[in-house]
Amino acid sequence: MGKKRYTSRELIAMSGEYGWELVSVKGDHHNFKHYDSRFIVTIVHPQKDVPVGRSSDTIKKIKLEVK
């Protein structure tokens, strides 16, 4: 069974649940920052099917960077 495919809307909602806030938008790149993290997570929006590798990497960053 393969990994779940996400839309950019789902990834943005997930980042909000973990406390990430939108800090800037340049074209279709939405940049999110968490107050506990020194990193910025970029989500390309709108995108119907985010590639599996990119979505799993984004989810890891959203969940793990908040330590």
PDB file of N, CA and C in Angstrom:
ATOM      1  N   MET A   1       0.838  -1.179   0.000  1.00  0.00           N
ATOM      2  CA  MET A   1       0.000   0.000   0.000  1.00  0.00           C
ATOM      3  C   MET A   1       0.888   1.248   0.000  1.00  0.00           C
ATOM      4  N   GLY A   2       0.588   2.204  -0.873  1.00  0.00           N
ATOM      5  CA  GLY A   2       1.398   3.399  -1.008  1.00  0.00           C
ATOM      6  C   GLY A   2       1.071   4.452   0.033  1.00  0.00           C
ATOM      7  N   LYS A   3       1.880   5.481   0.035  1.00  0.00           N
ATOM      8  CA  LYS A   3       1.650   6.584   0.967  1.00  0.00           C
ATOM      9  C   LYS A   3       0.486   7.427   0.460  1.00  0.00           C
ATOM     10  N   LYS A   4      -0.175   8.121   1.388  1.00  0.00           N
ATOM     11  CA  LYS A   4      -1.313   8.966   1.034  1.00  0.00           C
ATOM     12  C   LYS A   4      -0.833  10.183   0.255  1.00  0.00           C
ATOM     13  N   ARG A   5      -1.596  10.543  -0.748  1.00  0.00           N
ATOM     14  CA  ARG A   5      -1.311  11.757  -1.506  1.00  0.00           C
ATOM     15  C   ARG A   5      -2.071  12.911  -0.868  1.00  0.00           C
ATOM     16  N   TYR A   6      -1.418  14.041  -0.715  1.00  0.00           N
ATOM     17  CA  TYR A   6      -2.006  15.211  -0.092  1.00  0.00           C
ATOM     18  C   TYR A   6      -2.170  16.327  -1.106  1.00  0.00           C
ATOM     19  N   THR A   7      -3.113  17.214  -0.842  1.00  0.00           N
ATOM     20  CA  THR A   7      -3.212  18.455  -1.604  1.00  0.00           C
ATOM     21  C   THR A   7      -2.482  19.526  -0.805  1.00  0.00           C
ATOM     22  N   SER A   8      -2.153  20.622  -1.452  1.00  0.00           N
ATOM     23  CA  SER A   8      -1.475  21.703  -0.736  1.00  0.00           C
ATOM     24  C   SER A   8      -2.386  22.284   0.341  1.00  0.00           C
ATOM     25  N   ARG A   9      -3.677  22.266   0.118  1.00  0.00           N
ATOM     26  CA  ARG A   9      -4.632  22.764   1.119  1.00  0.00           C
ATOM     27  C   ARG A   9      -4.565  21.928   2.396  1.00  0.00           C
ATOM     28  N   GLU A  10      -4.451  20.600   2.255  1.00  0.00           N
ATOM     29  CA  GLU A  10      -4.344  19.720   3.416  1.00  0.00           C
ATOM     30  C   GLU A  10      -3.042  19.956   4.179  1.00  0.00           C
ATOM     31  N   LEU A  11      -1.946  20.164   3.441  1.00  0.00           N
ATOM     32  CA  LEU A  11      -0.660  20.423   4.102  1.00  0.00           C
ATOM     33  C   LEU A  11      -0.682  21.746   4.859  1.00  0.00           C
ATOM     34  N   ILE A  12      -1.341  22.754   4.283  1.00  0.00           N
ATOM     35  CA  ILE A  12      -1.438  24.056   4.951  1.00  0.00           C
ATOM     36  C   ILE A  12      -2.284  23.926   6.219  1.00  0.00           C
ATOM     37  N   ALA A  13      -3.379  23.172   6.150  1.00  0.00           N
ATOM     38  CA  ALA A  13      -4.218  22.958   7.331  1.00  0.00           C
ATOM     39  C   ALA A  13      -3.441  22.218   8.411  1.00  0.00           C
ATOM     40  N   MET A  14      -2.646  21.224   8.005  1.00  0.00           N
ATOM     41  CA  MET A  14      -1.847  20.454   8.954  1.00  0.00           C
ATOM     42  C   MET A  14      -0.799  21.342   9.625  1.00  0.00           C
ATOM     43  N   SER A  15      -0.189  22.228   8.847  1.00  0.00           N
ATOM     44  CA  SER A  15       0.819  23.114   9.431  1.00  0.00           C
ATOM     45  C   SER A  15       0.184  24.054  10.454  1.00  0.00           C
ATOM     46  N   GLY A  16      -1.043  24.496  10.202  1.00  0.00           N
ATOM     47  CA  GLY A  16      -1.750  25.340  11.163  1.00  0.00           C
ATOM     48  C   GLY A  16      -2.060  24.601  12.451  1.00  0.00           C
ATOM     49  N   GLU A  17      -2.383  23.307  12.348  1.00  0.00           N
ATOM     50  CA  GLU A  17      -2.671  22.504  13.540  1.00  0.00           C
ATOM     51  C   GLU A  17      -1.447  22.368  14.434  1.00  0.00           C
ATOM     52  N   TYR A  18      -0.263  22.385  13.837  1.00  0.00           N
ATOM     53  CA  TYR A  18       0.970  22.248  14.617  1.00  0.00           C
ATOM     54  C   TYR A  18       1.570  23.604  15.003  1.00  0.00           C
ATOM     55  N   GLY A  19       0.856  24.682  14.750  1.00  0.00           N
ATOM     56  CA  GLY A  19       1.289  25.995  15.214  1.00  0.00           C
ATOM     57  C   GLY A  19       2.144  26.794  14.246  1.00  0.00           C
ATOM     58  N   TRP A  20       2.251  26.372  13.006  1.00  0.00           N
ATOM     59  CA  TRP A  20       3.018  27.107  12.011  1.00  0.00           C
ATOM     60  C   TRP A  20       2.157  28.251  11.475  1.00  0.00           C
ATOM     61  N   GLU A  21       2.763  29.412  11.272  1.00  0.00           N
ATOM     62  CA  GLU A  21       2.045  30.588  10.790  1.00  0.00           C
ATOM     63  C   GLU A  21       2.622  31.049   9.461  1.00  0.00           C
ATOM     64  N   LEU A  22       1.742  31.509   8.589  1.00  0.00           N
ATOM     65  CA  LEU A  22       2.147  32.025   7.285  1.00  0.00           C
ATOM     66  C   LEU A  22       2.892  33.335   7.494  1.00  0.00           C
ATOM     67  N   VAL A  23       4.140  33.399   6.978  1.00  0.00           N
ATOM     68  CA  VAL A  23       4.928  34.623   7.151  1.00  0.00           C
ATOM     69  C   VAL A  23       5.126  35.379   5.848  1.00  0.00           C
ATOM     70  N   SER A  24       5.106  34.668   4.708  1.00  0.00           N
ATOM     71  CA  SER A  24       5.262  35.373   3.437  1.00  0.00           C
ATOM     72  C   SER A  24       4.761  34.508   2.291  1.00  0.00           C
ATOM     73  N   VAL A  25       4.433  35.195   1.193  1.00  0.00           N
ATOM     74  CA  VAL A  25       4.009  34.518  -0.031  1.00  0.00           C
ATOM     75  C   VAL A  25       4.757  35.176  -1.182  1.00  0.00           C
ATOM     76  N   LYS A  26       5.442  34.346  -1.972  1.00  0.00           N
ATOM     77  CA  LYS A  26       6.109  34.837  -3.176  1.00  0.00           C
ATOM     78  C   LYS A  26       5.629  33.969  -4.326  1.00  0.00           C
ATOM     79  N   GLY A  27       4.732  34.499  -5.129  1.00  0.00           N
ATOM     80  CA  GLY A  27       4.157  33.709  -6.212  1.00  0.00           C
ATOM     81  C   GLY A  27       3.289  32.610  -5.625  1.00  0.00           C
ATOM     82  N   ASP A  28       3.630  31.361  -5.930  1.00  0.00           N
ATOM     83  CA  ASP A  28       2.851  30.243  -5.399  1.00  0.00           C
ATOM     84  C   ASP A  28       3.543  29.570  -4.217  1.00  0.00           C
ATOM     85  N   HIS A  29       4.620  30.157  -3.717  1.00  0.00           N
ATOM     86  CA  HIS A  29       5.345  29.596  -2.571  1.00  0.00           C
ATOM     87  C   HIS A  29       4.883  30.278  -1.283  1.00  0.00           C
ATOM     88  N   HIS A  30       4.273  29.496  -0.399  1.00  0.00           N
ATOM     89  CA  HIS A  30       3.796  29.984   0.890  1.00  0.00           C
ATOM     90  C   HIS A  30       4.785  29.531   1.959  1.00  0.00           C
ATOM     91  N   ASN A  31       5.345  30.483   2.693  1.00  0.00           N
ATOM     92  CA  ASN A  31       6.362  30.189   3.698  1.00  0.00           C
ATOM     93  C   ASN A  31       5.766  30.272   5.096  1.00  0.00           C
ATOM     94  N   PHE A  32       6.012  29.213   5.876  1.00  0.00           N
ATOM     95  CA  PHE A  32       5.469  29.102   7.224  1.00  0.00           C
ATOM     96  C   PHE A  32       6.606  29.049   8.233  1.00  0.00           C
ATOM     97  N   LYS A  33       6.387  29.690   9.388  1.00  0.00           N
ATOM     98  CA  LYS A  33       7.387  29.742  10.453  1.00  0.00           C
ATOM     99  C   LYS A  33       6.716  29.369  11.761  1.00  0.00           C
ATOM    100  N   HIS A  34       7.456  28.649  12.594  1.00  0.00           N
ATOM    101  CA  HIS A  34       6.983  28.307  13.932  1.00  0.00           C
ATOM    102  C   HIS A  34       7.856  29.045  14.927  1.00  0.00           C
ATOM    103  N   TYR A  35       7.259  29.557  15.989  1.00  0.00           N
ATOM    104  CA  TYR A  35       8.028  30.375  16.939  1.00  0.00           C
ATOM    105  C   TYR A  35       9.107  29.584  17.667  1.00  0.00           C
ATOM    106  N   ASP A  36       8.978  28.244  17.741  1.00  0.00           N
ATOM    107  CA  ASP A  36       9.994  27.420  18.394  1.00  0.00           C
ATOM    108  C   ASP A  36      11.075  26.928  17.438  1.00  0.00           C
ATOM    109  N   SER A  37      10.910  27.165  16.158  1.00  0.00           N
ATOM    110  CA  SER A  37      11.842  26.632  15.162  1.00  0.00           C
ATOM    111  C   SER A  37      12.575  27.769  14.468  1.00  0.00           C
ATOM    112  N   ARG A  38      13.806  27.498  14.079  1.00  0.00           N
ATOM    113  CA  ARG A  38      14.559  28.510  13.334  1.00  0.00           C
ATOM    114  C   ARG A  38      14.408  28.318  11.836  1.00  0.00           C
ATOM    115  N   PHE A  39      13.642  27.303  11.432  1.00  0.00           N
ATOM    116  CA  PHE A  39      13.480  26.976  10.019  1.00  0.00           C
ATOM    117  C   PHE A  39      12.164  27.509   9.463  1.00  0.00           C
ATOM    118  N   ILE A  40      12.111  27.604   8.140  1.00  0.00           N
ATOM    119  CA  ILE A  40      10.901  27.986   7.422  1.00  0.00           C
ATOM    120  C   ILE A  40      10.504  26.804   6.551  1.00  0.00           C
ATOM    121  N   VAL A  41       9.203  26.487   6.548  1.00  0.00           N
ATOM    122  CA  VAL A  41       8.675  25.413   5.712  1.00  0.00           C
ATOM    123  C   VAL A  41       7.948  26.059   4.541  1.00  0.00           C
ATOM    124  N   THR A  42       8.275  25.648   3.324  1.00  0.00           N
ATOM    125  CA  THR A  42       7.657  26.196   2.127  1.00  0.00           C
ATOM    126  C   THR A  42       6.701  25.174   1.524  1.00  0.00           C
ATOM    127  N   ILE A  43       5.463  25.622   1.257  1.00  0.00           N
ATOM    128  CA  ILE A  43       4.455  24.780   0.619  1.00  0.00           C
ATOM    129  C   ILE A  43       4.007  25.487  -0.649  1.00  0.00           C
ATOM    130  N   VAL A  44       4.075  24.784  -1.779  1.00  0.00           N
ATOM    131  CA  VAL A  44       3.631  25.338  -3.051  1.00  0.00           C
ATOM    132  C   VAL A  44       2.111  25.218  -3.087  1.00  0.00           C
ATOM    133  N   HIS A  45       1.421  26.359  -3.271  1.00  0.00           N
ATOM    134  CA  HIS A  45      -0.044  26.368  -3.259  1.00  0.00           C
ATOM    135  C   HIS A  45      -0.550  27.279  -4.357  1.00  0.00           C
ATOM    136  N   PRO A  46      -1.528  26.922  -5.151  1.00  0.00           N
ATOM    137  CA  PRO A  46      -2.347  25.708  -5.103  1.00  0.00           C
ATOM    138  C   PRO A  46      -1.704  24.578  -5.894  1.00  0.00           C
ATOM    139  N   GLN A  47      -1.830  23.394  -5.377  1.00  0.00           N
ATOM    140  CA  GLN A  47      -1.343  22.186  -6.048  1.00  0.00           C
ATOM    141  C   GLN A  47      -2.236  21.030  -5.631  1.00  0.00           C
ATOM    142  N   LYS A  48      -2.886  20.414  -6.621  1.00  0.00           N
ATOM    143  CA  LYS A  48      -3.865  19.375  -6.319  1.00  0.00           C
ATOM    144  C   LYS A  48      -3.218  18.121  -5.758  1.00  0.00           C
ATOM    145  N   ASP A  49      -2.212  17.597  -6.422  1.00  0.00           N
ATOM    146  CA  ASP A  49      -1.516  16.400  -5.950  1.00  0.00           C
ATOM    147  C   ASP A  49      -0.054  16.736  -5.728  1.00  0.00           C
ATOM    148  N   VAL A  50       0.299  16.919  -4.466  1.00  0.00           N
ATOM    149  CA  VAL A  50       1.694  17.169  -4.121  1.00  0.00           C
ATOM    150  C   VAL A  50       2.433  15.841  -4.250  1.00  0.00           C
ATOM    151  N   PRO A  51       3.593  15.814  -4.918  1.00  0.00           N
ATOM    152  CA  PRO A  51       4.339  14.561  -5.036  1.00  0.00           C
ATOM    153  C   PRO A  51       4.588  13.926  -3.670  1.00  0.00           C
ATOM    154  N   VAL A  52       4.538  12.603  -3.622  1.00  0.00           N
ATOM    155  CA  VAL A  52       4.615  11.865  -2.359  1.00  0.00           C
ATOM    156  C   VAL A  52       5.886  12.204  -1.582  1.00  0.00           C
ATOM    157  N   GLY A  53       7.010  12.272  -2.257  1.00  0.00           N
ATOM    158  CA  GLY A  53       8.272  12.586  -1.576  1.00  0.00           C
ATOM    159  C   GLY A  53       8.255  13.957  -0.945  1.00  0.00           C
ATOM    160  N   ARG A  54       7.737  14.935  -1.669  1.00  0.00           N
ATOM    161  CA  ARG A  54       7.689  16.301  -1.147  1.00  0.00           C
ATOM    162  C   ARG A  54       6.710  16.407   0.012  1.00  0.00           C
ATOM    163  N   SER A  55       5.554  15.753  -0.101  1.00  0.00           N
ATOM    164  CA  SER A  55       4.571  15.842   0.985  1.00  0.00           C
ATOM    165  C   SER A  55       5.072  15.144   2.249  1.00  0.00           C
ATOM    166  N   SER A  56       5.723  13.990   2.108  1.00  0.00           N
ATOM    167  CA  SER A  56       6.237  13.303   3.304  1.00  0.00           C
ATOM    168  C   SER A  56       7.357  14.108   3.940  1.00  0.00           C
ATOM    169  N   ASP A  57       8.193  14.756   3.133  1.00  0.00           N
ATOM    170  CA  ASP A  57       9.260  15.605   3.657  1.00  0.00           C
ATOM    171  C   ASP A  57       8.680  16.812   4.393  1.00  0.00           C
ATOM    172  N   THR A  58       7.640  17.423   3.819  1.00  0.00           N
ATOM    173  CA  THR A  58       6.995  18.573   4.450  1.00  0.00           C
ATOM    174  C   THR A  58       6.363  18.178   5.781  1.00  0.00           C
ATOM    175  N   ILE A  59       5.703  17.023   5.812  1.00  0.00           N
ATOM    176  CA  ILE A  59       5.067  16.563   7.044  1.00  0.00           C
ATOM    177  C   ILE A  59       6.115  16.303   8.122  1.00  0.00           C
ATOM    178  N   LYS A  60       7.231  15.705   7.746  1.00  0.00           N
ATOM    179  CA  LYS A  60       8.306  15.487   8.715  1.00  0.00           C
ATOM    180  C   LYS A  60       8.795  16.808   9.289  1.00  0.00           C
ATOM    181  N   LYS A  61       8.988  17.789   8.423  1.00  0.00           N
ATOM    182  CA  LYS A  61       9.453  19.099   8.894  1.00  0.00           C
ATOM    183  C   LYS A  61       8.431  19.751   9.814  1.00  0.00           C
ATOM    184  N   ILE A  62       7.152  19.667   9.443  1.00  0.00           N
ATOM    185  CA  ILE A  62       6.099  20.287  10.256  1.00  0.00           C
ATOM    186  C   ILE A  62       6.069  19.674  11.649  1.00  0.00           C
ATOM    187  N   LYS A  63       6.167  18.345  11.723  1.00  0.00           N
ATOM    188  CA  LYS A  63       6.039  17.664  13.013  1.00  0.00           C
ATOM    189  C   LYS A  63       7.331  17.649  13.813  1.00  0.00           C
ATOM    190  N   LEU A  64       8.467  17.515  13.165  1.00  0.00           N
ATOM    191  CA  LEU A  64       9.720  17.318  13.887  1.00  0.00           C
ATOM    192  C   LEU A  64      10.446  18.616  14.244  1.00  0.00           C
ATOM    193  N   GLU A  65      10.214  19.672  13.492  1.00  0.00           N
ATOM    194  CA  GLU A  65      10.948  20.905  13.750  1.00  0.00           C
ATOM    195  C   GLU A  65      10.454  21.620  14.995  1.00  0.00           C
ATOM    196  N   VAL A  66       9.352  21.156  15.574  1.00  0.00           N
ATOM    197  CA  VAL A  66       8.789  21.820  16.750  1.00  0.00           C
ATOM    198  C   VAL A  66       9.231  21.041  17.975  1.00  0.00           C
ATOM    199  N   LYS A  67      10.471  21.235  18.395  1.00  0.00           N
ATOM    200  CA  LYS A  67      10.983  20.548  19.586  1.00  0.00           C
ATOM    201  C   LYS A  67      11.376  21.545  20.640  1.00  0.00           C
TER     202      LYS A  67
END
